[in-house]
Amino acid sequence: MTSKLEPRLRYVAPRDPQADQVCLLDKEAAARRSEPPDAFLASARSQETREDGATFRFAAEPGTWERMSAFVDEEGECCPFFAFEQSEEGDELVLRIIRPPAGSGRPPAGDGRPSQGGG
């Protein structure tokens, strides 16, 4: 009898869905990150902007799941209003960054563009 492993799936709820939609990353926290967020996201095969956030697709290579998990944990610290979903889909690892639904929490601060701090 053979058994096939179930694909991995990890959902991380927002730490604070009511938080201001602004990145809290400061210089000290940025220096402690395992890798710059822009570098990790740039390694994606593709990116899709969605109404509720963004989806990044990565090659399912050794170490990528762990890098993605570290990104999610670190990004959740500086952007506590985001939810994250990691999944395995065929030969890809998929990361979904999910914004809170419209009308929940406070509106984005500033001009609504993402901060340059990576979060």
N, C-alpha and C. Protein backbone atom coordinates (compact mmCIF):
# COMPACT_ATOMS: atom_id res chain seq x y z
N MET A 1 0.84 -1.18 0.00
CA MET A 1 0.00 0.00 0.00
C MET A 1 0.89 1.25 0.00
N THR A 2 0.63 2.15 -0.92
CA THR A 2 1.42 3.38 -0.99
C THR A 2 0.60 4.53 -0.47
N SER A 3 1.27 5.48 0.13
CA SER A 3 0.58 6.67 0.59
C SER A 3 1.29 7.89 0.02
N LYS A 4 0.51 8.84 -0.38
CA LYS A 4 1.06 10.07 -0.93
C LYS A 4 0.96 11.14 0.16
N LEU A 5 2.04 11.87 0.34
CA LEU A 5 2.03 12.93 1.34
C LEU A 5 1.10 14.05 0.89
N GLU A 6 0.37 14.58 1.84
CA GLU A 6 -0.49 15.72 1.56
C GLU A 6 0.37 16.96 1.36
N PRO A 7 0.01 17.82 0.42
CA PRO A 7 0.76 19.08 0.24
C PRO A 7 0.68 19.91 1.52
N ARG A 8 1.73 20.62 1.79
CA ARG A 8 1.75 21.48 2.98
C ARG A 8 0.88 22.71 2.73
N LEU A 9 0.27 23.16 3.81
CA LEU A 9 -0.55 24.37 3.80
C LEU A 9 -0.38 25.03 5.16
N ARG A 10 -0.07 26.32 5.15
CA ARG A 10 0.09 27.07 6.39
C ARG A 10 -0.64 28.39 6.23
N TYR A 11 -1.54 28.67 7.18
CA TYR A 11 -2.25 29.95 7.19
C TYR A 11 -1.87 30.67 8.47
N VAL A 12 -1.48 31.93 8.33
CA VAL A 12 -1.13 32.75 9.48
C VAL A 12 -2.08 33.94 9.48
N ALA A 13 -2.94 33.98 10.48
CA ALA A 13 -3.92 35.06 10.60
C ALA A 13 -3.21 36.37 10.95
N PRO A 14 -3.85 37.49 10.66
CA PRO A 14 -3.25 38.78 11.05
C PRO A 14 -3.04 38.82 12.56
N ARG A 15 -1.91 39.34 12.98
CA ARG A 15 -1.65 39.50 14.42
C ARG A 15 -2.57 40.56 15.01
N ASP A 16 -2.86 41.58 14.21
CA ASP A 16 -3.75 42.67 14.65
C ASP A 16 -4.48 43.22 13.43
N PRO A 17 -5.63 42.61 13.07
CA PRO A 17 -6.34 43.05 11.86
C PRO A 17 -6.84 44.49 11.94
N GLN A 18 -6.90 45.06 13.15
CA GLN A 18 -7.37 46.43 13.32
C GLN A 18 -6.23 47.45 13.30
N ALA A 19 -5.00 46.99 13.13
CA ALA A 19 -3.84 47.89 13.14
C ALA A 19 -3.88 48.83 11.95
N ASP A 20 -3.26 50.00 12.13
CA ASP A 20 -3.09 50.91 11.00
C ASP A 20 -2.35 50.16 9.91
N GLN A 21 -2.75 50.37 8.67
CA GLN A 21 -2.13 49.66 7.54
C GLN A 21 -0.86 50.40 7.10
N VAL A 22 0.13 50.34 7.98
CA VAL A 22 1.42 50.96 7.72
C VAL A 22 2.49 50.03 8.29
N CYS A 23 3.58 49.88 7.58
CA CYS A 23 4.67 49.01 8.00
C CYS A 23 5.38 49.61 9.22
N LEU A 24 5.65 48.77 10.21
CA LEU A 24 6.31 49.21 11.43
C LEU A 24 7.80 48.89 11.46
N LEU A 25 8.35 48.45 10.32
CA LEU A 25 9.74 48.04 10.26
C LEU A 25 10.67 49.23 10.49
N ASP A 26 11.56 49.08 11.47
CA ASP A 26 12.57 50.11 11.69
C ASP A 26 13.95 49.55 11.32
N LYS A 27 14.95 50.39 11.38
CA LYS A 27 16.29 50.00 10.94
C LYS A 27 16.83 48.81 11.72
N GLU A 28 16.61 48.78 13.04
CA GLU A 28 17.12 47.70 13.88
C GLU A 28 16.43 46.38 13.53
N ALA A 29 15.11 46.40 13.36
CA ALA A 29 14.37 45.18 13.01
C ALA A 29 14.77 44.69 11.62
N ALA A 30 14.99 45.63 10.71
CA ALA A 30 15.40 45.25 9.35
C ALA A 30 16.75 44.52 9.38
N ALA A 31 17.65 44.96 10.25
CA ALA A 31 18.97 44.33 10.34
C ALA A 31 18.89 42.91 10.90
N ARG A 32 17.84 42.61 11.67
CA ARG A 32 17.69 41.28 12.26
C ARG A 32 17.00 40.28 11.34
N ARG A 33 16.44 40.74 10.24
CA ARG A 33 15.71 39.82 9.34
C ARG A 33 16.68 38.82 8.72
N SER A 34 16.16 37.62 8.44
CA SER A 34 17.00 36.57 7.89
C SER A 34 17.48 36.91 6.48
N GLU A 35 16.68 37.65 5.72
CA GLU A 35 17.09 38.15 4.40
C GLU A 35 16.19 39.33 4.06
N PRO A 36 16.67 40.25 3.24
CA PRO A 36 15.83 41.39 2.86
C PRO A 36 14.56 40.90 2.16
N PRO A 37 13.39 41.43 2.55
CA PRO A 37 12.14 40.96 1.95
C PRO A 37 12.10 41.15 0.45
N ASP A 38 12.66 42.24 -0.04
CA ASP A 38 12.66 42.48 -1.49
C ASP A 38 13.45 41.40 -2.22
N ALA A 39 14.55 40.93 -1.62
CA ALA A 39 15.36 39.89 -2.24
C ALA A 39 14.58 38.57 -2.30
N PHE A 40 13.89 38.25 -1.21
CA PHE A 40 13.11 37.01 -1.21
C PHE A 40 12.00 37.08 -2.26
N LEU A 41 11.23 38.15 -2.27
CA LEU A 41 10.10 38.26 -3.21
C LEU A 41 10.59 38.32 -4.66
N ALA A 42 11.78 38.87 -4.89
CA ALA A 42 12.33 38.94 -6.25
C ALA A 42 12.67 37.56 -6.80
N SER A 43 12.82 36.57 -5.90
CA SER A 43 13.14 35.22 -6.37
C SER A 43 11.90 34.44 -6.83
N ALA A 44 10.73 35.07 -6.76
CA ALA A 44 9.50 34.41 -7.20
C ALA A 44 9.50 34.24 -8.72
N ARG A 45 8.90 33.15 -9.17
CA ARG A 45 8.72 32.91 -10.62
C ARG A 45 7.75 33.93 -11.20
N SER A 46 6.72 34.25 -10.41
CA SER A 46 5.71 35.19 -10.88
C SER A 46 5.05 35.86 -9.69
N GLN A 47 4.43 37.00 -9.98
CA GLN A 47 3.69 37.76 -8.99
C GLN A 47 2.38 38.20 -9.60
N GLU A 48 1.30 38.08 -8.84
CA GLU A 48 -0.01 38.53 -9.29
C GLU A 48 -0.59 39.44 -8.22
N THR A 49 -0.96 40.64 -8.62
CA THR A 49 -1.64 41.54 -7.71
C THR A 49 -3.12 41.23 -7.76
N ARG A 50 -3.71 41.08 -6.59
CA ARG A 50 -5.12 40.72 -6.49
C ARG A 50 -5.85 41.81 -5.71
N GLU A 51 -7.15 41.80 -5.80
CA GLU A 51 -7.95 42.79 -5.07
C GLU A 51 -7.68 42.72 -3.57
N ASP A 52 -7.44 41.51 -3.07
CA ASP A 52 -7.24 41.33 -1.62
C ASP A 52 -5.78 41.18 -1.23
N GLY A 53 -4.85 41.46 -2.13
CA GLY A 53 -3.44 41.36 -1.79
C GLY A 53 -2.58 40.96 -2.98
N ALA A 54 -1.71 39.99 -2.76
CA ALA A 54 -0.79 39.56 -3.83
C ALA A 54 -0.47 38.08 -3.68
N THR A 55 -0.16 37.45 -4.80
CA THR A 55 0.24 36.04 -4.82
C THR A 55 1.60 35.94 -5.50
N PHE A 56 2.52 35.23 -4.84
CA PHE A 56 3.86 35.01 -5.37
C PHE A 56 4.05 33.51 -5.54
N ARG A 57 4.60 33.10 -6.68
CA ARG A 57 4.84 31.68 -6.97
C ARG A 57 6.35 31.45 -7.09
N PHE A 58 6.83 30.44 -6.37
CA PHE A 58 8.25 30.11 -6.31
C PHE A 58 8.46 28.69 -6.78
N ALA A 59 9.64 28.41 -7.32
CA ALA A 59 10.02 27.03 -7.63
C ALA A 59 10.13 26.27 -6.31
N ALA A 60 9.62 25.05 -6.28
CA ALA A 60 9.67 24.22 -5.07
C ALA A 60 11.06 23.62 -4.94
N GLU A 61 12.01 24.44 -4.53
CA GLU A 61 13.39 24.01 -4.36
C GLU A 61 13.69 23.80 -2.88
N PRO A 62 14.68 22.98 -2.57
CA PRO A 62 15.04 22.78 -1.16
C PRO A 62 15.31 24.11 -0.47
N GLY A 63 14.75 24.29 0.71
CA GLY A 63 14.97 25.49 1.51
C GLY A 63 13.99 26.60 1.26
N THR A 64 13.24 26.55 0.15
CA THR A 64 12.32 27.66 -0.16
C THR A 64 11.16 27.73 0.83
N TRP A 65 10.61 26.59 1.23
CA TRP A 65 9.51 26.59 2.21
C TRP A 65 9.97 27.26 3.51
N GLU A 66 11.17 26.94 3.95
CA GLU A 66 11.71 27.51 5.18
C GLU A 66 11.96 29.01 5.03
N ARG A 67 12.48 29.43 3.89
CA ARG A 67 12.67 30.86 3.63
C ARG A 67 11.33 31.59 3.65
N MET A 68 10.33 30.97 3.03
CA MET A 68 9.00 31.57 2.98
C MET A 68 8.43 31.68 4.40
N SER A 69 8.60 30.65 5.20
CA SER A 69 8.10 30.67 6.58
C SER A 69 8.77 31.79 7.38
N ALA A 70 10.08 31.96 7.21
CA ALA A 70 10.79 33.04 7.90
C ALA A 70 10.27 34.39 7.44
N PHE A 71 10.05 34.55 6.13
CA PHE A 71 9.50 35.80 5.60
C PHE A 71 8.15 36.10 6.25
N VAL A 72 7.27 35.10 6.29
CA VAL A 72 5.93 35.29 6.86
C VAL A 72 6.02 35.69 8.33
N ASP A 73 6.86 35.00 9.09
CA ASP A 73 7.00 35.32 10.51
C ASP A 73 7.53 36.74 10.71
N GLU A 74 8.53 37.12 9.94
CA GLU A 74 9.12 38.45 10.08
C GLU A 74 8.20 39.54 9.56
N GLU A 75 7.56 39.30 8.45
CA GLU A 75 6.67 40.30 7.86
C GLU A 75 5.44 40.52 8.74
N GLY A 76 4.98 39.45 9.39
CA GLY A 76 3.85 39.57 10.31
C GLY A 76 4.14 40.46 11.50
N GLU A 77 5.42 40.57 11.87
CA GLU A 77 5.82 41.44 12.97
C GLU A 77 5.68 42.92 12.59
N CYS A 78 6.12 43.26 11.38
CA CYS A 78 6.12 44.68 10.99
C CYS A 78 4.82 45.10 10.31
N CYS A 79 4.07 44.15 9.79
CA CYS A 79 2.79 44.45 9.12
C CYS A 79 1.72 43.53 9.72
N PRO A 80 1.30 43.83 10.96
CA PRO A 80 0.41 42.91 11.68
C PRO A 80 -1.01 42.83 11.13
N PHE A 81 -1.33 43.64 10.16
CA PHE A 81 -2.67 43.64 9.55
C PHE A 81 -2.79 42.64 8.42
N PHE A 82 -1.66 42.10 7.92
CA PHE A 82 -1.68 41.12 6.84
C PHE A 82 -1.95 39.71 7.37
N ALA A 83 -2.64 38.91 6.56
CA ALA A 83 -2.71 37.46 6.76
C ALA A 83 -1.81 36.86 5.67
N PHE A 84 -1.34 35.65 5.91
CA PHE A 84 -0.45 34.98 4.97
C PHE A 84 -0.90 33.54 4.78
N GLU A 85 -0.77 33.05 3.55
CA GLU A 85 -1.04 31.65 3.27
C GLU A 85 0.10 31.10 2.43
N GLN A 86 0.69 30.01 2.91
CA GLN A 86 1.73 29.29 2.18
C GLN A 86 1.13 27.97 1.74
N SER A 87 1.43 27.56 0.53
CA SER A 87 0.93 26.26 0.08
C SER A 87 1.85 25.66 -0.97
N GLU A 88 1.73 24.35 -1.12
CA GLU A 88 2.42 23.62 -2.17
C GLU A 88 1.39 23.32 -3.25
N GLU A 89 1.70 23.70 -4.47
CA GLU A 89 0.81 23.44 -5.61
C GLU A 89 1.68 22.88 -6.74
N GLY A 90 1.65 21.57 -6.89
CA GLY A 90 2.46 20.92 -7.92
C GLY A 90 3.93 21.16 -7.66
N ASP A 91 4.63 21.74 -8.66
CA ASP A 91 6.06 21.99 -8.50
C ASP A 91 6.34 23.42 -8.03
N GLU A 92 5.34 24.04 -7.43
CA GLU A 92 5.49 25.42 -6.96
C GLU A 92 5.13 25.54 -5.49
N LEU A 93 5.72 26.53 -4.87
CA LEU A 93 5.33 26.97 -3.54
C LEU A 93 4.68 28.33 -3.73
N VAL A 94 3.53 28.51 -3.11
CA VAL A 94 2.74 29.72 -3.33
C VAL A 94 2.62 30.48 -2.02
N LEU A 95 2.85 31.78 -2.10
CA LEU A 95 2.67 32.68 -0.96
C LEU A 95 1.59 33.68 -1.32
N ARG A 96 0.57 33.74 -0.49
CA ARG A 96 -0.47 34.75 -0.65
C ARG A 96 -0.38 35.71 0.53
N ILE A 97 -0.27 36.98 0.23
CA ILE A 97 -0.28 38.03 1.24
C ILE A 97 -1.65 38.67 1.12
N ILE A 98 -2.41 38.63 2.20
CA ILE A 98 -3.82 38.99 2.15
C ILE A 98 -4.07 40.23 3.01
N ARG A 99 -4.60 41.27 2.38
CA ARG A 99 -4.98 42.49 3.10
C ARG A 99 -6.31 42.27 3.81
N PRO A 100 -6.55 43.03 4.87
CA PRO A 100 -7.86 42.93 5.53
C PRO A 100 -8.96 43.38 4.57
N PRO A 101 -10.16 42.84 4.73
CA PRO A 101 -11.27 43.27 3.88
C PRO A 101 -11.53 44.76 4.03
N ALA A 102 -12.01 45.37 2.96
CA ALA A 102 -12.36 46.79 3.01
C ALA A 102 -13.36 47.02 4.12
N GLY A 103 -13.15 48.10 4.87
CA GLY A 103 -14.07 48.42 5.95
C GLY A 103 -13.66 47.84 7.29
N SER A 104 -12.65 46.96 7.30
CA SER A 104 -12.19 46.44 8.59
C SER A 104 -10.91 47.18 8.96
N GLY A 105 -10.79 47.53 10.18
CA GLY A 105 -9.59 48.22 10.63
C GLY A 105 -9.58 49.65 10.14
N ARG A 106 -8.44 50.28 10.23
CA ARG A 106 -8.30 51.68 9.83
C ARG A 106 -7.75 51.74 8.42
N PRO A 107 -8.01 52.80 7.69
CA PRO A 107 -7.52 52.91 6.31
C PRO A 107 -6.02 53.05 6.27
N PRO A 108 -5.43 52.79 5.09
CA PRO A 108 -3.97 52.94 4.96
C PRO A 108 -3.53 54.34 5.31
N ALA A 109 -2.37 54.45 5.92
CA ALA A 109 -1.79 55.74 6.24
C ALA A 109 -1.05 56.26 5.01
N GLY A 110 -0.79 57.53 4.97
CA GLY A 110 -0.01 58.11 3.87
C GLY A 110 -0.76 58.03 2.56
N ASP A 111 -0.02 57.76 1.49
CA ASP A 111 -0.62 57.76 0.16
C ASP A 111 -1.09 56.39 -0.28
N GLY A 112 -1.02 55.38 0.60
CA GLY A 112 -1.51 54.06 0.27
C GLY A 112 -0.50 53.16 -0.42
N ARG A 113 0.66 53.70 -0.78
CA ARG A 113 1.68 52.86 -1.42
C ARG A 113 2.44 52.09 -0.34
N PRO A 114 2.94 50.89 -0.67
CA PRO A 114 3.72 50.13 0.30
C PRO A 114 4.96 50.90 0.72
N SER A 115 5.40 50.67 1.94
CA SER A 115 6.60 51.33 2.41
C SER A 115 7.83 50.75 1.72
N GLN A 116 8.92 51.46 1.78
CA GLN A 116 10.16 50.99 1.19
C GLN A 116 10.89 50.06 2.15
N GLY A 117 10.38 49.88 3.38
CA GLY A 117 11.05 49.06 4.37
C GLY A 117 10.86 47.59 4.14
N GLY A 118 10.05 47.18 3.18
CA GLY A 118 9.88 45.77 2.90
C GLY A 118 8.59 45.23 3.42
N GLY A 119 7.80 46.01 4.06
CA GLY A 119 6.58 45.47 4.64
C GLY A 119 5.37 46.20 4.26
